[in-house]
Amino acid sequence: MDRLKQIESFVAVSTKGSLTAAAQAEGVAPAVIGRRIDALEARLGVKLLVRTTRRITLTHEGSAFLEDCQRLLGELASAEASVSAGGVKASGYLRITAPAGFGRKHVAPLVPAFTAAHPDVHLSLNLSDRLVDLVNEGFDCAVRVGDLPDSSLISTRLADNRRLCVAAPSYLARAGLPRHPSELVRHECLTLSSDAGQTRGWAFRIDGQVQHLRPSGRLDCSDGQVLHEWCLAGLGLAWRSTWEVAQDIAAGRLVAVLDDFAAPPNGVYAVFAHAKHLPLRVRLWIDFLKRTYGDARYWDSGGRLLPEAAASADALSAIG
């Protein structure tokens, strides 16, 4: 407490220009402020202020120290302001981005609960299947699905993402059931077009090794939702994520094939530019995603936000 008072007094004197003005602002005698400054200089072993009867000036060391002290006091004030009345408060603009299909189904529906818990946060959601440049385009956080490209960005894994080869029963009745990934060449495969960013193809574990195949067919599209609808219509096989097709499989609208060759899951990630000095609103958003996606019941329900998950939207925990 003494150290903090010394620093606060040093900043007050430096910015107000006199011991008297700093003392009046705090409601104490100028001699009290003077003793704090003396104690601070003695502890640091350096002269911070040059005091005369007419004015006070900063030394070179004092000028450098003032900048650090102002930053530290600002961060302390921000930390104190973020917690009041027993709850965590966040404010400001939060810009997030996510893939279009996943974002519509598993990001956008979470926004109302989050903003209800944090009414001072203004949230902007961008849904795009292109790889958004977080830094240059001014986004705070991205939700990304699949294998992450090498980059200087920071990521935290939110959930597993398993991919399945699926088809409608009508297609399988017509074209037959593939027994091995090598048989895909004889099937109509509904693939993402080359400009959609899926460059590695469909992944299967064959002879103990993960291999990427590039099946083809008469139809491709840059929009995964369209491929899903084509698959439901019986137009061919598709390679889709469980978050997209799990309910269709449970309802019998789609059938998973080649499960014996399924590749290990990749992930759903929160990606952000810097871990240091991450704004409170961003930390709260990432923690909310971790709590929601980390609960198996969320996925079992087809992506329905559980009441206890909504209630935890205002909880703050450290980012792993």
C-alpha atoms as a PDB file:
ATOM      1  CA  MET A   1       0.000   0.000   0.000  1.00  0.00           C
ATOM      2  CA  ASP A   2       2.859   2.400   0.816  1.00  0.00           C
ATOM      3  CA  ARG A   3       4.474   1.721  -2.552  1.00  0.00           C
ATOM      4  CA  LEU A   4       1.212   2.336  -4.375  1.00  0.00           C
ATOM      5  CA  LYS A   5       0.633   5.589  -2.496  1.00  0.00           C
ATOM      6  CA  GLN A   6       4.164   6.722  -3.324  1.00  0.00           C
ATOM      7  CA  ILE A   7       3.611   6.016  -7.026  1.00  0.00           C
ATOM      8  CA  GLU A   8       0.204   7.699  -7.031  1.00  0.00           C
ATOM      9  CA  SER A   9       1.683  10.771  -5.360  1.00  0.00           C
ATOM     10  CA  PHE A  10       4.596  10.871  -7.811  1.00  0.00           C
ATOM     11  CA  VAL A  11       2.204  10.757 -10.771  1.00  0.00           C
ATOM     12  CA  ALA A  12      -0.047  13.401  -9.216  1.00  0.00           C
ATOM     13  CA  VAL A  13       2.828  15.797  -8.546  1.00  0.00           C
ATOM     14  CA  SER A  14       4.299  15.228 -12.015  1.00  0.00           C
ATOM     15  CA  THR A  15       1.028  15.880 -13.823  1.00  0.00           C
ATOM     16  CA  LYS A  16      -0.264  18.701 -11.630  1.00  0.00           C
ATOM     17  CA  GLY A  17       3.066  20.456 -11.351  1.00  0.00           C
ATOM     18  CA  SER A  18       3.227  21.011  -7.597  1.00  0.00           C
ATOM     19  CA  LEU A  19       3.040  19.329  -4.211  1.00  0.00           C
ATOM     20  CA  THR A  20       0.264  21.675  -3.174  1.00  0.00           C
ATOM     21  CA  ALA A  21      -1.998  20.822  -6.111  1.00  0.00           C
ATOM     22  CA  ALA A  22      -1.440  17.090  -5.601  1.00  0.00           C
ATOM     23  CA  ALA A  23      -2.130  17.433  -1.870  1.00  0.00           C
ATOM     24  CA  GLN A  24      -5.337  19.404  -2.448  1.00  0.00           C
ATOM     25  CA  ALA A  25      -6.625  16.769  -4.894  1.00  0.00           C
ATOM     26  CA  GLU A  26      -6.111  14.055  -2.290  1.00  0.00           C
ATOM     27  CA  GLY A  27      -7.155  16.117   0.726  1.00  0.00           C
ATOM     28  CA  VAL A  28      -3.873  15.826   2.654  1.00  0.00           C
ATOM     29  CA  ALA A  29      -1.114  18.216   3.687  1.00  0.00           C
ATOM     30  CA  PRO A  30       1.651  18.975   1.134  1.00  0.00           C
ATOM     31  CA  ALA A  31       4.177  17.611   3.631  1.00  0.00           C
ATOM     32  CA  VAL A  32       2.569  14.154   3.354  1.00  0.00           C
ATOM     33  CA  ILE A  33       3.032  14.170  -0.426  1.00  0.00           C
ATOM     34  CA  GLY A  34       6.607  15.375   0.017  1.00  0.00           C
ATOM     35  CA  ARG A  35       7.473  12.525   2.406  1.00  0.00           C
ATOM     36  CA  ARG A  36       6.055   9.971  -0.050  1.00  0.00           C
ATOM     37  CA  ILE A  37       8.178  11.344  -2.889  1.00  0.00           C
ATOM     38  CA  ASP A  38      11.268  11.319  -0.654  1.00  0.00           C
ATOM     39  CA  ALA A  39      10.597   7.717   0.365  1.00  0.00           C
ATOM     40  CA  LEU A  40      10.097   6.678  -3.267  1.00  0.00           C
ATOM     41  CA  GLU A  41      13.357   8.261  -4.394  1.00  0.00           C
ATOM     42  CA  ALA A  42      15.209   6.727  -1.453  1.00  0.00           C
ATOM     43  CA  ARG A  43      13.840   3.285  -2.223  1.00  0.00           C
ATOM     44  CA  LEU A  44      14.724   3.534  -5.909  1.00  0.00           C
ATOM     45  CA  GLY A  45      18.061   5.213  -5.299  1.00  0.00           C
ATOM     46  CA  VAL A  46      17.455   7.804  -8.013  1.00  0.00           C
ATOM     47  CA  LYS A  47      16.272  11.400  -8.224  1.00  0.00           C
ATOM     48  CA  LEU A  48      12.903  11.648  -9.949  1.00  0.00           C
ATOM     49  CA  LEU A  49      11.963  15.296  -9.384  1.00  0.00           C
ATOM     50  CA  VAL A  50      13.902  18.523  -9.126  1.00  0.00           C
ATOM     51  CA  ARG A  51      12.026  20.694  -6.660  1.00  0.00           C
ATOM     52  CA  THR A  52      12.565  24.426  -6.249  1.00  0.00           C
ATOM     53  CA  THR A  53      10.439  27.048  -4.543  1.00  0.00           C
ATOM     54  CA  ARG A  54       9.005  28.063  -7.913  1.00  0.00           C
ATOM     55  CA  ARG A  55       8.473  24.845  -9.813  1.00  0.00           C
ATOM     56  CA  ILE A  56       8.966  21.102 -10.068  1.00  0.00           C
ATOM     57  CA  THR A  57      10.581  19.411 -13.072  1.00  0.00           C
ATOM     58  CA  LEU A  58      11.157  15.786 -13.941  1.00  0.00           C
ATOM     59  CA  THR A  59      14.621  14.343 -14.274  1.00  0.00           C
ATOM     60  CA  HIS A  60      15.441  12.102 -17.237  1.00  0.00           C
ATOM     61  CA  GLU A  61      14.854   9.053 -15.025  1.00  0.00           C
ATOM     62  CA  GLY A  62      11.688  10.623 -13.676  1.00  0.00           C
ATOM     63  CA  SER A  63      10.239  11.110 -17.164  1.00  0.00           C
ATOM     64  CA  ALA A  64      10.831   7.465 -18.084  1.00  0.00           C
ATOM     65  CA  PHE A  65       9.468   6.264 -14.741  1.00  0.00           C
ATOM     66  CA  LEU A  66       6.352   8.442 -15.098  1.00  0.00           C
ATOM     67  CA  GLU A  67       5.314   6.691 -18.307  1.00  0.00           C
ATOM     68  CA  ASP A  68       5.578   3.287 -16.665  1.00  0.00           C
ATOM     69  CA  CYS A  69       3.717   4.456 -13.567  1.00  0.00           C
ATOM     70  CA  GLN A  70       0.873   5.932 -15.597  1.00  0.00           C
ATOM     71  CA  ARG A  71       0.507   2.699 -17.552  1.00  0.00           C
ATOM     72  CA  LEU A  72       0.529   0.589 -14.371  1.00  0.00           C
ATOM     73  CA  LEU A  73      -2.033   2.781 -12.626  1.00  0.00           C
ATOM     74  CA  GLY A  74      -4.203   2.705 -15.755  1.00  0.00           C
ATOM     75  CA  GLU A  75      -4.100  -1.097 -15.853  1.00  0.00           C
ATOM     76  CA  LEU A  76      -4.909  -1.257 -12.153  1.00  0.00           C
ATOM     77  CA  ALA A  77      -7.884   1.072 -12.615  1.00  0.00           C
ATOM     78  CA  SER A  78      -9.086  -1.043 -15.531  1.00  0.00           C
ATOM     79  CA  ALA A  79      -8.778  -4.227 -13.489  1.00  0.00           C
ATOM     80  CA  GLU A  80     -10.753  -2.702 -10.616  1.00  0.00           C
ATOM     81  CA  ALA A  81     -13.400  -1.325 -12.972  1.00  0.00           C
ATOM     82  CA  SER A  82     -13.854  -4.740 -14.574  1.00  0.00           C
ATOM     83  CA  VAL A  83     -15.115  -6.208 -11.303  1.00  0.00           C
ATOM     84  CA  SER A  84     -17.945  -4.561  -9.431  1.00  0.00           C
ATOM     85  CA  ALA A  85     -20.983  -5.699  -7.458  1.00  0.00           C
ATOM     86  CA  GLY A  86     -19.612  -9.227  -7.397  1.00  0.00           C
ATOM     87  CA  GLY A  87     -19.607  -9.710 -11.185  1.00  0.00           C
ATOM     88  CA  VAL A  88     -17.330  -9.335 -14.159  1.00  0.00           C
ATOM     89  CA  LYS A  89     -17.999  -6.474 -16.544  1.00  0.00           C
ATOM     90  CA  ALA A  90     -16.679  -6.020 -20.033  1.00  0.00           C
ATOM     91  CA  SER A  91     -17.219  -3.279 -22.588  1.00  0.00           C
ATOM     92  CA  GLY A  92     -16.166  -2.126 -26.020  1.00  0.00           C
ATOM     93  CA  TYR A  93     -16.378  -3.555 -29.510  1.00  0.00           C
ATOM     94  CA  LEU A  94     -15.790  -7.260 -30.118  1.00  0.00           C
ATOM     95  CA  ARG A  95     -15.198  -8.264 -33.753  1.00  0.00           C
ATOM     96  CA  ILE A  96     -15.268 -11.997 -34.389  1.00  0.00           C
ATOM     97  CA  THR A  97     -15.269 -14.124 -37.528  1.00  0.00           C
ATOM     98  CA  ALA A  98     -16.158 -17.741 -38.255  1.00  0.00           C
ATOM     99  CA  PRO A  99     -16.705 -20.066 -41.230  1.00  0.00           C
ATOM    100  CA  ALA A 100     -20.132 -19.474 -42.768  1.00  0.00           C
ATOM    101  CA  GLY A 101     -21.710 -22.875 -42.144  1.00  0.00           C
ATOM    102  CA  PHE A 102     -20.287 -23.473 -38.678  1.00  0.00           C
ATOM    103  CA  GLY A 103     -20.880 -19.846 -37.748  1.00  0.00           C
ATOM    104  CA  ARG A 104     -24.565 -19.942 -38.665  1.00  0.00           C
ATOM    105  CA  LYS A 105     -25.151 -23.117 -36.659  1.00  0.00           C
ATOM    106  CA  HIS A 106     -22.743 -22.877 -33.728  1.00  0.00           C
ATOM    107  CA  VAL A 107     -21.570 -19.282 -33.297  1.00  0.00           C
ATOM    108  CA  ALA A 108     -24.452 -16.954 -34.142  1.00  0.00           C
ATOM    109  CA  PRO A 109     -26.904 -18.776 -31.807  1.00  0.00           C
ATOM    110  CA  LEU A 110     -24.523 -18.206 -28.881  1.00  0.00           C
ATOM    111  CA  VAL A 111     -24.321 -14.440 -29.357  1.00  0.00           C
ATOM    112  CA  PRO A 112     -27.638 -13.512 -27.650  1.00  0.00           C
ATOM    113  CA  ALA A 113     -26.669 -15.263 -24.400  1.00  0.00           C
ATOM    114  CA  PHE A 114     -23.225 -13.671 -24.390  1.00  0.00           C
ATOM    115  CA  THR A 115     -24.439 -10.129 -25.094  1.00  0.00           C
ATOM    116  CA  ALA A 116     -27.239 -10.513 -22.551  1.00  0.00           C
ATOM    117  CA  ALA A 117     -24.618 -11.295 -19.914  1.00  0.00           C
ATOM    118  CA  HIS A 118     -22.385  -8.421 -21.100  1.00  0.00           C
ATOM    119  CA  PRO A 119     -24.687  -5.580 -22.186  1.00  0.00           C
ATOM    120  CA  ASP A 120     -21.812  -3.097 -22.574  1.00  0.00           C
ATOM    121  CA  VAL A 121     -20.166  -5.217 -25.278  1.00  0.00           C
ATOM    122  CA  HIS A 122     -20.988  -4.406 -28.904  1.00  0.00           C
ATOM    123  CA  LEU A 123     -20.437  -7.526 -31.002  1.00  0.00           C
ATOM    124  CA  SER A 124     -19.892  -7.771 -34.746  1.00  0.00           C
ATOM    125  CA  LEU A 125     -19.950 -11.240 -36.347  1.00  0.00           C
ATOM    126  CA  ASN A 126     -18.439 -11.878 -39.768  1.00  0.00           C
ATOM    127  CA  LEU A 127     -19.272 -15.192 -41.454  1.00  0.00           C
ATOM    128  CA  SER A 128     -16.950 -16.094 -44.288  1.00  0.00           C
ATOM    129  CA  ASP A 129     -15.294 -19.218 -45.649  1.00  0.00           C
ATOM    130  CA  ARG A 130     -12.209 -17.311 -46.724  1.00  0.00           C
ATOM    131  CA  LEU A 131      -9.198 -17.134 -44.415  1.00  0.00           C
ATOM    132  CA  VAL A 132      -9.687 -13.761 -42.753  1.00  0.00           C
ATOM    133  CA  ASP A 133      -6.569 -11.764 -41.870  1.00  0.00           C
ATOM    134  CA  LEU A 134      -7.223 -11.010 -38.196  1.00  0.00           C
ATOM    135  CA  VAL A 135      -4.542  -8.387 -37.741  1.00  0.00           C
ATOM    136  CA  ASN A 136      -4.910  -6.366 -40.919  1.00  0.00           C
ATOM    137  CA  GLU A 137      -8.700  -6.568 -40.953  1.00  0.00           C
ATOM    138  CA  GLY A 138      -9.078  -5.659 -37.288  1.00  0.00           C
ATOM    139  CA  PHE A 139     -10.710  -8.792 -35.870  1.00  0.00           C
ATOM    140  CA  ASP A 140     -10.323  -9.729 -32.208  1.00  0.00           C
ATOM    141  CA  CYS A 141     -10.933 -13.454 -32.553  1.00  0.00           C
ATOM    142  CA  ALA A 142     -11.693 -16.113 -35.148  1.00  0.00           C
ATOM    143  CA  VAL A 143     -13.381 -19.470 -34.744  1.00  0.00           C
ATOM    144  CA  ARG A 144     -11.700 -21.897 -37.133  1.00  0.00           C
ATOM    145  CA  VAL A 145     -12.476 -25.510 -37.924  1.00  0.00           C
ATOM    146  CA  GLY A 146      -9.982 -28.105 -39.149  1.00  0.00           C
ATOM    147  CA  ASP A 147      -6.220 -28.130 -39.445  1.00  0.00           C
ATOM    148  CA  LEU A 148      -4.690 -24.726 -38.737  1.00  0.00           C
ATOM    149  CA  PRO A 149      -2.083 -23.320 -41.096  1.00  0.00           C
ATOM    150  CA  ASP A 150       1.266 -22.372 -39.618  1.00  0.00           C
ATOM    151  CA  SER A 151       1.187 -18.753 -38.494  1.00  0.00           C
ATOM    152  CA  SER A 152       2.190 -16.378 -35.718  1.00  0.00           C
ATOM    153  CA  LEU A 153      -1.381 -16.349 -34.402  1.00  0.00           C
ATOM    154  CA  ILE A 154      -2.302 -17.837 -31.020  1.00  0.00           C
ATOM    155  CA  SER A 155      -4.894 -20.603 -30.852  1.00  0.00           C
ATOM    156  CA  THR A 156      -6.741 -22.549 -28.188  1.00  0.00           C
ATOM    157  CA  ARG A 157      -8.579 -25.791 -28.953  1.00  0.00           C
ATOM    158  CA  LEU A 158     -12.284 -25.642 -28.131  1.00  0.00           C
ATOM    159  CA  ALA A 159     -13.521 -29.050 -29.281  1.00  0.00           C
ATOM    160  CA  ASP A 160     -12.770 -32.001 -31.527  1.00  0.00           C
ATOM    161  CA  ASN A 161     -13.980 -31.939 -35.108  1.00  0.00           C
ATOM    162  CA  ARG A 162     -14.555 -35.341 -36.706  1.00  0.00           C
ATOM    163  CA  ARG A 163     -15.203 -35.710 -40.426  1.00  0.00           C
ATOM    164  CA  LEU A 164     -17.426 -38.426 -41.890  1.00  0.00           C
ATOM    165  CA  CYS A 165     -18.128 -39.748 -45.351  1.00  0.00           C
ATOM    166  CA  VAL A 166     -21.912 -39.730 -45.699  1.00  0.00           C
ATOM    167  CA  ALA A 167     -24.630 -40.376 -48.247  1.00  0.00           C
ATOM    168  CA  ALA A 168     -28.411 -40.517 -48.422  1.00  0.00           C
ATOM    169  CA  PRO A 169     -29.980 -43.990 -48.321  1.00  0.00           C
ATOM    170  CA  SER A 170     -31.416 -43.355 -51.808  1.00  0.00           C
ATOM    171  CA  TYR A 171     -27.933 -42.812 -53.233  1.00  0.00           C
ATOM    172  CA  LEU A 172     -26.509 -45.940 -51.591  1.00  0.00           C
ATOM    173  CA  ALA A 173     -29.458 -47.998 -52.838  1.00  0.00           C
ATOM    174  CA  ARG A 174     -28.674 -46.812 -56.351  1.00  0.00           C
ATOM    175  CA  ALA A 175     -24.864 -46.778 -56.360  1.00  0.00           C
ATOM    176  CA  GLY A 176     -23.944 -49.327 -53.713  1.00  0.00           C
ATOM    177  CA  LEU A 177     -21.994 -49.075 -50.465  1.00  0.00           C
ATOM    178  CA  PRO A 178     -18.258 -48.289 -50.740  1.00  0.00           C
ATOM    179  CA  ARG A 179     -16.166 -50.723 -48.701  1.00  0.00           C
ATOM    180  CA  HIS A 180     -12.765 -49.044 -49.092  1.00  0.00           C
ATOM    181  CA  PRO A 181     -11.670 -45.445 -49.818  1.00  0.00           C
ATOM    182  CA  SER A 182     -10.141 -46.657 -53.091  1.00  0.00           C
ATOM    183  CA  GLU A 183     -13.690 -47.339 -54.324  1.00  0.00           C
ATOM    184  CA  LEU A 184     -14.556 -43.623 -54.241  1.00  0.00           C
ATOM    185  CA  VAL A 185     -13.344 -43.314 -57.836  1.00  0.00           C
ATOM    186  CA  ARG A 186     -16.457 -45.241 -58.878  1.00  0.00           C
ATOM    187  CA  HIS A 187     -18.824 -42.941 -56.977  1.00  0.00           C
ATOM    188  CA  GLU A 188     -20.286 -39.502 -57.421  1.00  0.00           C
ATOM    189  CA  CYS A 189     -18.456 -37.406 -54.813  1.00  0.00           C
ATOM    190  CA  LEU A 190     -19.731 -33.971 -53.853  1.00  0.00           C
ATOM    191  CA  THR A 191     -16.627 -31.862 -53.323  1.00  0.00           C
ATOM    192  CA  LEU A 192     -15.722 -28.326 -52.431  1.00  0.00           C
ATOM    193  CA  SER A 193     -14.572 -26.364 -55.440  1.00  0.00           C
ATOM    194  CA  SER A 194     -10.904 -25.430 -55.629  1.00  0.00           C
ATOM    195  CA  ASP A 195     -11.519 -21.832 -54.514  1.00  0.00           C
ATOM    196  CA  ALA A 196     -13.104 -22.919 -51.207  1.00  0.00           C
ATOM    197  CA  GLY A 197      -9.808 -23.472 -49.415  1.00  0.00           C
ATOM    198  CA  GLN A 198     -10.009 -27.231 -48.777  1.00  0.00           C
ATOM    199  CA  THR A 199      -6.737 -28.093 -50.489  1.00  0.00           C
ATOM    200  CA  ARG A 200      -5.839 -31.410 -48.878  1.00  0.00           C
ATOM    201  CA  GLY A 201      -8.839 -33.480 -49.893  1.00  0.00           C
ATOM    202  CA  TRP A 202     -10.713 -36.117 -47.881  1.00  0.00           C
ATOM    203  CA  ALA A 203      -8.727 -37.729 -45.049  1.00  0.00           C
ATOM    204  CA  PHE A 204      -8.807 -41.465 -44.277  1.00  0.00           C
ATOM    205  CA  ARG A 205      -6.686 -43.761 -42.164  1.00  0.00           C
ATOM    206  CA  ILE A 206      -5.426 -46.465 -44.527  1.00  0.00           C
ATOM    207  CA  ASP A 207      -2.947 -49.139 -43.378  1.00  0.00           C
ATOM    208  CA  GLY A 208      -2.310 -47.142 -40.217  1.00  0.00           C
ATOM    209  CA  GLN A 209      -1.447 -43.919 -42.048  1.00  0.00           C
ATOM    210  CA  VAL A 210      -3.592 -40.855 -42.670  1.00  0.00           C
ATOM    211  CA  GLN A 211      -3.944 -40.344 -46.409  1.00  0.00           C
ATOM    212  CA  HIS A 212      -5.657 -37.518 -48.273  1.00  0.00           C
ATOM    213  CA  LEU A 213      -7.660 -38.445 -51.345  1.00  0.00           C
ATOM    214  CA  ARG A 214      -9.082 -36.147 -53.984  1.00  0.00           C
ATOM    215  CA  PRO A 215     -12.311 -37.770 -55.146  1.00  0.00           C
ATOM    216  CA  SER A 216     -14.291 -36.180 -57.923  1.00  0.00           C
ATOM    217  CA  GLY A 217     -17.752 -36.125 -59.404  1.00  0.00           C
ATOM    218  CA  ARG A 218     -19.983 -34.135 -61.672  1.00  0.00           C
ATOM    219  CA  LEU A 219     -20.882 -31.628 -58.943  1.00  0.00           C
ATOM    220  CA  ASP A 220     -18.775 -29.345 -56.787  1.00  0.00           C
ATOM    221  CA  CYS A 221     -19.562 -26.147 -54.917  1.00  0.00           C
ATOM    222  CA  SER A 222     -17.753 -23.524 -52.863  1.00  0.00           C
ATOM    223  CA  ASP A 223     -20.503 -23.603 -50.197  1.00  0.00           C
ATOM    224  CA  GLY A 224     -20.524 -26.545 -47.792  1.00  0.00           C
ATOM    225  CA  GLN A 225     -24.215 -26.060 -46.976  1.00  0.00           C
ATOM    226  CA  VAL A 226     -25.083 -26.617 -50.615  1.00  0.00           C
ATOM    227  CA  LEU A 227     -23.036 -29.843 -50.632  1.00  0.00           C
ATOM    228  CA  HIS A 228     -24.968 -30.939 -47.552  1.00  0.00           C
ATOM    229  CA  GLU A 229     -28.291 -30.316 -49.252  1.00  0.00           C
ATOM    230  CA  TRP A 230     -27.166 -32.109 -52.416  1.00  0.00           C
ATOM    231  CA  CYS A 231     -26.106 -35.060 -50.287  1.00  0.00           C
ATOM    232  CA  LEU A 232     -29.515 -35.161 -48.586  1.00  0.00           C
ATOM    233  CA  ALA A 233     -31.084 -35.130 -52.042  1.00  0.00           C
ATOM    234  CA  GLY A 234     -29.211 -38.321 -52.929  1.00  0.00           C
ATOM    235  CA  LEU A 235     -26.838 -36.800 -55.469  1.00  0.00           C
ATOM    236  CA  GLY A 236     -23.677 -38.396 -54.118  1.00  0.00           C
ATOM    237  CA  LEU A 237     -21.238 -38.953 -51.263  1.00  0.00           C
ATOM    238  CA  ALA A 238     -19.991 -36.029 -49.186  1.00  0.00           C
ATOM    239  CA  TRP A 239     -17.277 -35.590 -46.592  1.00  0.00           C
ATOM    240  CA  ARG A 240     -18.780 -33.507 -43.817  1.00  0.00           C
ATOM    241  CA  SER A 241     -18.194 -32.667 -40.158  1.00  0.00           C
ATOM    242  CA  THR A 242     -20.191 -34.347 -37.421  1.00  0.00           C
ATOM    243  CA  TRP A 243     -21.494 -30.963 -36.223  1.00  0.00           C
ATOM    244  CA  GLU A 244     -23.262 -30.658 -39.565  1.00  0.00           C
ATOM    245  CA  VAL A 245     -24.582 -34.185 -40.179  1.00  0.00           C
ATOM    246  CA  ALA A 246     -24.996 -35.824 -36.739  1.00  0.00           C
ATOM    247  CA  GLN A 247     -28.718 -35.076 -36.528  1.00  0.00           C
ATOM    248  CA  ASP A 248     -29.292 -36.273 -40.094  1.00  0.00           C
ATOM    249  CA  ILE A 249     -27.536 -39.556 -39.290  1.00  0.00           C
ATOM    250  CA  ALA A 250     -29.575 -39.987 -36.103  1.00  0.00           C
ATOM    251  CA  ALA A 251     -32.774 -39.350 -38.068  1.00  0.00           C
ATOM    252  CA  GLY A 252     -31.789 -41.742 -40.863  1.00  0.00           C
ATOM    253  CA  ARG A 253     -31.627 -39.057 -43.520  1.00  0.00           C
ATOM    254  CA  LEU A 254     -27.916 -39.772 -44.022  1.00  0.00           C
ATOM    255  CA  VAL A 255     -25.748 -42.848 -43.510  1.00  0.00           C
ATOM    256  CA  ALA A 256     -22.079 -42.768 -42.489  1.00  0.00           C
ATOM    257  CA  VAL A 257     -19.847 -44.970 -44.646  1.00  0.00           C
ATOM    258  CA  LEU A 258     -16.181 -45.985 -44.474  1.00  0.00           C
ATOM    259  CA  ASP A 259     -16.180 -45.506 -40.685  1.00  0.00           C
ATOM    260  CA  ASP A 260     -13.458 -48.142 -40.336  1.00  0.00           C
ATOM    261  CA  PHE A 261     -11.155 -45.778 -42.217  1.00  0.00           C
ATOM    262  CA  ALA A 262     -12.092 -42.560 -40.394  1.00  0.00           C
ATOM    263  CA  ALA A 263      -9.130 -40.262 -39.758  1.00  0.00           C
ATOM    264  CA  PRO A 264      -8.432 -38.893 -36.255  1.00  0.00           C
ATOM    265  CA  PRO A 265     -10.378 -35.714 -35.490  1.00  0.00           C
ATOM    266  CA  ASN A 266      -8.890 -32.293 -36.003  1.00  0.00           C
ATOM    267  CA  GLY A 267     -10.230 -29.384 -33.987  1.00  0.00           C
ATOM    268  CA  VAL A 268     -12.422 -26.365 -33.501  1.00  0.00           C
ATOM    269  CA  TYR A 269     -10.203 -23.472 -32.422  1.00  0.00           C
ATOM    270  CA  ALA A 270     -10.369 -19.930 -31.161  1.00  0.00           C
ATOM    271  CA  VAL A 271      -7.618 -17.965 -32.886  1.00  0.00           C
ATOM    272  CA  PHE A 272      -6.380 -14.530 -31.860  1.00  0.00           C
ATOM    273  CA  ALA A 273      -3.379 -12.334 -32.538  1.00  0.00           C
ATOM    274  CA  HIS A 274      -1.813 -11.842 -29.092  1.00  0.00           C
ATOM    275  CA  ALA A 275      -2.126 -13.623 -25.768  1.00  0.00           C
ATOM    276  CA  LYS A 276      -0.589 -10.734 -23.831  1.00  0.00           C
ATOM    277  CA  HIS A 277      -2.912  -7.900 -22.815  1.00  0.00           C
ATOM    278  CA  LEU A 278      -5.933  -9.683 -24.302  1.00  0.00           C
ATOM    279  CA  PRO A 279      -8.983  -7.449 -23.672  1.00  0.00           C
ATOM    280  CA  LEU A 280     -11.442  -8.696 -21.098  1.00  0.00           C
ATOM    281  CA  ARG A 281     -14.268  -8.927 -23.640  1.00  0.00           C
ATOM    282  CA  VAL A 282     -12.151 -11.263 -25.811  1.00  0.00           C
ATOM    283  CA  ARG A 283     -11.136 -13.451 -22.860  1.00  0.00           C
ATOM    284  CA  LEU A 284     -14.762 -13.746 -21.776  1.00  0.00           C
ATOM    285  CA  TRP A 285     -15.878 -14.686 -25.294  1.00  0.00           C
ATOM    286  CA  ILE A 286     -13.208 -17.384 -25.652  1.00  0.00           C
ATOM    287  CA  ASP A 287     -14.000 -18.774 -22.212  1.00  0.00           C
ATOM    288  CA  PHE A 288     -17.706 -18.869 -23.077  1.00  0.00           C
ATOM    289  CA  LEU A 289     -16.920 -20.868 -26.225  1.00  0.00           C
ATOM    290  CA  LYS A 290     -14.702 -23.265 -24.265  1.00  0.00           C
ATOM    291  CA  ARG A 291     -17.406 -23.889 -21.677  1.00  0.00           C
ATOM    292  CA  THR A 292     -20.088 -24.400 -24.321  1.00  0.00           C
ATOM    293  CA  TYR A 293     -18.177 -26.522 -26.829  1.00  0.00           C
ATOM    294  CA  GLY A 294     -16.434 -28.460 -24.074  1.00  0.00           C
ATOM    295  CA  ASP A 295     -19.756 -29.859 -22.834  1.00  0.00           C
ATOM    296  CA  ALA A 296     -20.616 -33.080 -24.706  1.00  0.00           C
ATOM    297  CA  ARG A 297     -24.310 -32.416 -24.054  1.00  0.00           C
ATOM    298  CA  TYR A 298     -24.138 -29.392 -26.345  1.00  0.00           C
ATOM    299  CA  TRP A 299     -23.147 -31.567 -29.302  1.00  0.00           C
ATOM    300  CA  ASP A 300     -25.503 -34.389 -28.297  1.00  0.00           C
ATOM    301  CA  SER A 301     -28.379 -31.914 -28.415  1.00  0.00           C
ATOM    302  CA  GLY A 302     -27.448 -30.859 -31.938  1.00  0.00           C
ATOM    303  CA  GLY A 303     -25.997 -27.548 -30.850  1.00  0.00           C
ATOM    304  CA  ARG A 304     -28.648 -26.328 -28.416  1.00  0.00           C
ATOM    305  CA  LEU A 305     -27.312 -23.954 -25.778  1.00  0.00           C
ATOM    306  CA  LEU A 306     -28.005 -25.477 -22.378  1.00  0.00           C
ATOM    307  CA  PRO A 307     -29.439 -23.225 -19.630  1.00  0.00           C
ATOM    308  CA  GLU A 308     -26.390 -23.674 -17.401  1.00  0.00           C
ATOM    309  CA  ALA A 309     -24.103 -22.759 -20.304  1.00  0.00           C
ATOM    310  CA  ALA A 310     -26.073 -19.580 -20.866  1.00  0.00           C
ATOM    311  CA  ALA A 311     -25.843 -18.808 -17.162  1.00  0.00           C
ATOM    312  CA  SER A 312     -22.059 -19.192 -17.325  1.00  0.00           C
ATOM    313  CA  ALA A 313     -21.680 -16.636 -20.083  1.00  0.00           C
ATOM    314  CA  ASP A 314     -20.574 -14.051 -17.535  1.00  0.00           C
ATOM    315  CA  ALA A 315     -17.941 -16.285 -15.898  1.00  0.00           C
ATOM    316  CA  LEU A 316     -14.285 -15.387 -16.355  1.00  0.00           C
ATOM    317  CA  SER A 317     -11.572 -18.020 -16.292  1.00  0.00           C
ATOM    318  CA  ALA A 318      -8.014 -18.135 -17.488  1.00  0.00           C
ATOM    319  CA  ILE A 319      -7.366 -19.098 -21.079  1.00  0.00           C
ATOM    320  CA  GLY A 320      -5.449 -22.311 -21.351  1.00  0.00           C
END
